[in-house]
Protein backbone atom coordinates (compact mmCIF):
# COMPACT_ATOMS: atom_id res chain seq x y z
CA MET A 1 5.21 -32.05 -23.34
CA ASP A 2 7.10 -30.55 -20.38
CA MET A 3 6.52 -26.87 -19.59
CA THR A 4 9.54 -24.82 -19.35
CA VAL A 5 10.53 -22.93 -16.27
CA LEU A 6 9.34 -19.70 -17.73
CA GLU A 7 5.59 -21.20 -18.88
CA LYS A 8 5.49 -22.75 -15.14
CA GLU A 9 6.12 -19.41 -13.76
CA LEU A 10 3.60 -17.69 -15.94
CA ALA A 11 0.86 -20.15 -15.18
CA SER A 12 1.48 -19.89 -11.59
CA HIS A 13 1.69 -16.00 -11.52
CA GLN A 14 -1.51 -15.76 -13.81
CA ALA A 15 -3.34 -18.05 -11.47
CA VAL A 16 -2.49 -15.67 -8.42
CA LEU A 17 -3.51 -12.49 -10.36
CA GLU A 18 -6.59 -14.20 -11.63
CA ASN A 19 -7.44 -15.21 -8.22
CA THR A 20 -6.89 -11.74 -6.92
CA ILE A 21 -9.06 -10.30 -9.47
CA ASN A 22 -11.98 -12.65 -8.60
CA GLY A 23 -11.75 -12.37 -5.07
CA SER A 24 -10.70 -8.62 -4.37
CA GLY A 25 -12.55 -6.40 -6.76
CA GLU A 26 -15.02 -4.99 -4.02
CA ILE A 27 -12.05 -4.29 -2.09
CA ILE A 28 -9.98 -2.68 -4.69
CA GLN A 29 -13.11 -0.59 -5.61
CA ALA A 30 -13.41 0.46 -1.73
CA ILE A 31 -9.81 1.61 -1.88
CA ILE A 32 -10.26 3.64 -4.98
CA ASP A 33 -13.15 5.34 -3.84
CA ALA A 34 -11.47 5.86 -0.24
CA MET A 35 -8.38 7.56 -1.76
CA VAL A 36 -10.50 9.62 -4.25
CA HIS A 37 -12.65 10.98 -1.21
CA CYS A 38 -9.47 11.63 0.84
CA PHE A 39 -7.79 13.81 -2.04
CA LYS A 40 -10.91 15.40 -2.73
CA GLN A 41 -11.24 16.36 1.04
CA GLY A 42 -7.71 17.88 0.84
CA ASN A 43 -5.98 15.22 2.99
CA LYS A 44 -3.00 12.90 1.81
CA ILE A 45 -2.03 9.46 1.81
CA LEU A 46 1.05 8.19 3.88
CA LEU A 47 2.71 4.82 2.82
CA CYS A 48 5.17 2.51 4.73
CA GLY A 49 6.80 -0.64 4.26
CA ASN A 50 10.22 -2.52 4.61
CA GLY A 51 12.34 -3.90 1.76
CA GLY A 52 10.60 -4.40 -1.46
CA SER A 53 7.50 -2.91 0.20
CA ALA A 54 9.53 0.24 0.85
CA ALA A 55 10.21 0.48 -2.85
CA ASP A 56 6.45 0.09 -3.39
CA ALA A 57 5.57 2.85 -1.17
CA GLN A 58 7.92 5.04 -2.69
CA HIS A 59 6.90 4.25 -6.57
CA VAL A 60 3.02 4.58 -5.46
CA ALA A 61 3.75 8.04 -3.90
CA GLY A 62 5.72 8.98 -7.01
CA GLU A 63 2.64 8.11 -9.14
CA PHE A 64 0.49 10.25 -7.12
CA VAL A 65 2.57 13.41 -6.56
CA ASN A 66 3.69 13.43 -10.29
CA ARG A 67 1.46 11.49 -12.65
CA PHE A 68 0.58 8.00 -13.70
CA GLY A 69 -0.88 7.71 -16.94
CA PHE A 70 -1.33 11.58 -17.96
CA ASP A 71 -0.22 15.14 -17.20
CA ARG A 72 -2.30 16.67 -14.05
CA PRO A 73 -2.07 18.51 -10.76
CA ALA A 74 0.09 16.84 -8.13
CA LEU A 75 -1.87 14.60 -5.58
CA PRO A 76 -0.35 14.48 -1.83
CA ALA A 77 1.17 11.47 -1.15
CA ILE A 78 4.24 10.63 1.14
CA ALA A 79 6.38 7.58 1.59
CA LEU A 80 7.46 7.27 5.13
CA THR A 81 10.50 5.22 3.97
CA THR A 82 12.80 7.90 2.66
CA ASP A 83 14.25 10.21 5.17
CA THR A 84 17.15 8.67 6.49
CA SER A 85 17.76 11.19 9.06
CA VAL A 86 14.45 10.71 10.47
CA LEU A 87 14.52 6.89 10.37
CA THR A 88 17.81 6.35 11.93
CA CYS A 89 17.27 8.91 14.45
CA ILE A 90 14.05 7.11 15.60
CA ALA A 91 15.65 3.55 15.20
CA ASN A 92 18.64 4.71 17.18
CA ASP A 93 17.00 6.70 19.82
CA SER A 94 13.87 4.57 20.46
CA SER A 95 13.40 1.15 18.20
CA PHE A 96 13.24 0.27 14.83
CA GLU A 97 9.84 -0.79 15.59
CA ASN A 98 8.71 2.99 16.10
CA VAL A 99 10.11 4.05 12.58
CA PHE A 100 6.75 4.54 10.97
CA SER A 101 4.52 5.20 13.90
CA ARG A 102 6.31 8.20 15.23
CA GLN A 103 6.08 9.53 11.63
CA VAL A 104 2.51 8.94 11.36
CA GLU A 105 2.12 10.58 14.72
CA ALA A 106 3.84 13.69 13.41
CA LEU A 107 2.39 13.90 9.98
CA GLY A 108 -0.98 12.19 9.95
CA ARG A 109 -4.07 13.81 10.41
CA ALA A 110 -7.73 12.74 10.93
CA GLY A 111 -9.25 12.07 7.36
CA ASP A 112 -5.76 11.02 5.75
CA ILE A 113 -5.13 7.48 4.75
CA LEU A 114 -2.28 5.25 6.07
CA VAL A 115 -1.30 2.30 3.79
CA GLY A 116 0.69 -0.43 5.52
CA ILE A 117 2.50 -2.72 3.14
CA SER A 118 3.77 -6.30 4.25
CA THR A 119 4.16 -9.23 2.42
CA SER A 120 4.20 -11.36 5.36
CA GLY A 121 1.82 -9.40 7.38
CA GLY A 122 4.23 -9.45 10.45
CA SER A 123 6.03 -6.29 10.30
CA ILE A 124 6.18 -4.78 13.73
CA ASN A 125 6.95 -1.64 12.52
CA VAL A 126 4.22 -1.59 9.86
CA LEU A 127 1.60 -2.86 12.12
CA ARG A 128 2.68 -0.15 14.90
CA ALA A 129 2.21 2.46 12.45
CA LEU A 130 -1.21 0.91 11.29
CA GLU A 131 -2.30 0.97 15.28
CA THR A 132 -1.17 4.76 15.43
CA GLY A 133 -2.95 5.58 12.42
CA ARG A 134 -6.34 4.20 13.82
CA THR A 135 -5.73 6.03 17.02
CA GLY A 136 -5.43 9.22 15.12
CA LYS A 137 -8.45 8.61 13.18
CA LEU A 138 -6.62 7.89 9.66
CA LEU A 139 -8.30 5.49 7.58
CA THR A 140 -5.88 2.49 7.42
CA ILE A 141 -5.27 0.23 4.53
CA GLY A 142 -3.07 -2.77 4.46
CA PHE A 143 -1.37 -4.65 1.53
CA THR A 144 -0.28 -8.26 2.47
CA GLY A 145 -0.31 -11.91 1.22
CA GLU A 146 -2.17 -14.74 2.39
CA ASN A 147 0.10 -15.26 5.79
CA GLY A 148 -1.08 -11.69 6.86
CA ARG A 149 -4.85 -12.06 6.07
CA LYS A 150 -6.01 -12.60 9.71
CA ILE A 151 -3.82 -9.81 11.42
CA PHE A 152 -4.33 -7.32 8.67
CA THR A 153 -8.04 -7.74 8.48
CA ASP A 154 -8.25 -7.23 12.13
CA THR A 155 -5.72 -4.17 11.96
CA CYS A 156 -6.83 -2.45 8.85
CA ASP A 157 -10.03 -0.70 7.75
CA LEU A 158 -9.38 -2.24 4.39
CA SER A 159 -6.97 -4.89 3.63
CA LEU A 160 -6.04 -6.33 0.34
CA VAL A 161 -4.77 -9.91 0.52
CA ILE A 162 -2.72 -11.41 -2.47
CA PRO A 163 -3.77 -15.20 -2.24
CA SER A 164 -0.17 -16.45 -2.21
CA THR A 165 2.42 -17.24 0.34
CA ILE A 166 5.21 -16.62 -2.22
CA THR A 167 6.88 -13.23 -1.71
CA PRO A 168 7.58 -12.38 -5.43
CA GLN A 169 3.96 -13.19 -6.44
CA ILE A 170 2.70 -10.98 -3.70
CA GLN A 171 4.72 -8.18 -4.59
CA GLU A 172 3.85 -8.62 -8.04
CA GLY A 173 0.28 -8.70 -7.19
CA HIS A 174 0.42 -5.77 -5.07
CA LEU A 175 2.03 -3.65 -8.20
CA PHE A 176 -0.53 -4.91 -10.43
CA VAL A 177 -3.26 -3.66 -8.20
CA TRP A 178 -1.45 -0.49 -7.32
CA HIS A 179 -1.34 0.42 -11.14
CA THR A 180 -4.83 -0.31 -11.35
CA ILE A 181 -5.37 1.91 -8.23
CA CYS A 182 -3.59 4.77 -9.33
CA GLY A 183 -5.06 4.79 -12.98
CA ALA A 184 -8.52 4.53 -11.55
CA VAL A 185 -7.85 7.35 -8.75
CA GLU A 186 -6.32 9.57 -11.38
CA LYS A 187 -9.13 9.47 -13.88
CA ALA A 188 -11.69 10.00 -10.94
CA MET A 189 -9.80 13.11 -9.79
CA PHE A 190 -9.27 14.59 -13.29
CA PRO A 191 -11.82 13.32 -15.65
CA MET A 192 -11.25 14.03 -19.47
CA ASP A 193 -14.35 14.80 -21.15
């Protein structure tokens, strides 16, 4: 019997998620631990990315600032993708390659976390931000796909690589992992005995 298009898609995405879980459990736990430590020290998380990854940065910042699974105090997270005046000023006066790194330079402090999201691993503005973050003593975390494995592993303190080269699968994998991280961080920060 032939599989339908939907069944083929589901099987393909399921394999990517299973491979992510089987191959990245330790990294995911390290990211959770780092974020909990960051928040407990009174620091913040900065997030950046382009296109769908920009949407992910904003989505995750919203989960931390507002709530994920239950009502609790806000956690400090900023998506560097949202201030159109800052973004266009930097892009116009300098270069689009600097739209995130200048914000990291202005807003990041030692002990903060910078998350760079790039499905391809080749987003120059994200890579520049990560370099600026490392220079400023921020913990750098990268979310990418298989094509970005080497550069993100070399550039970031922690990197989560979705084992796929297909952009939608990478994005869906990132969101699955992000929801796991947000839930775990929230429960660690505000345990409900």
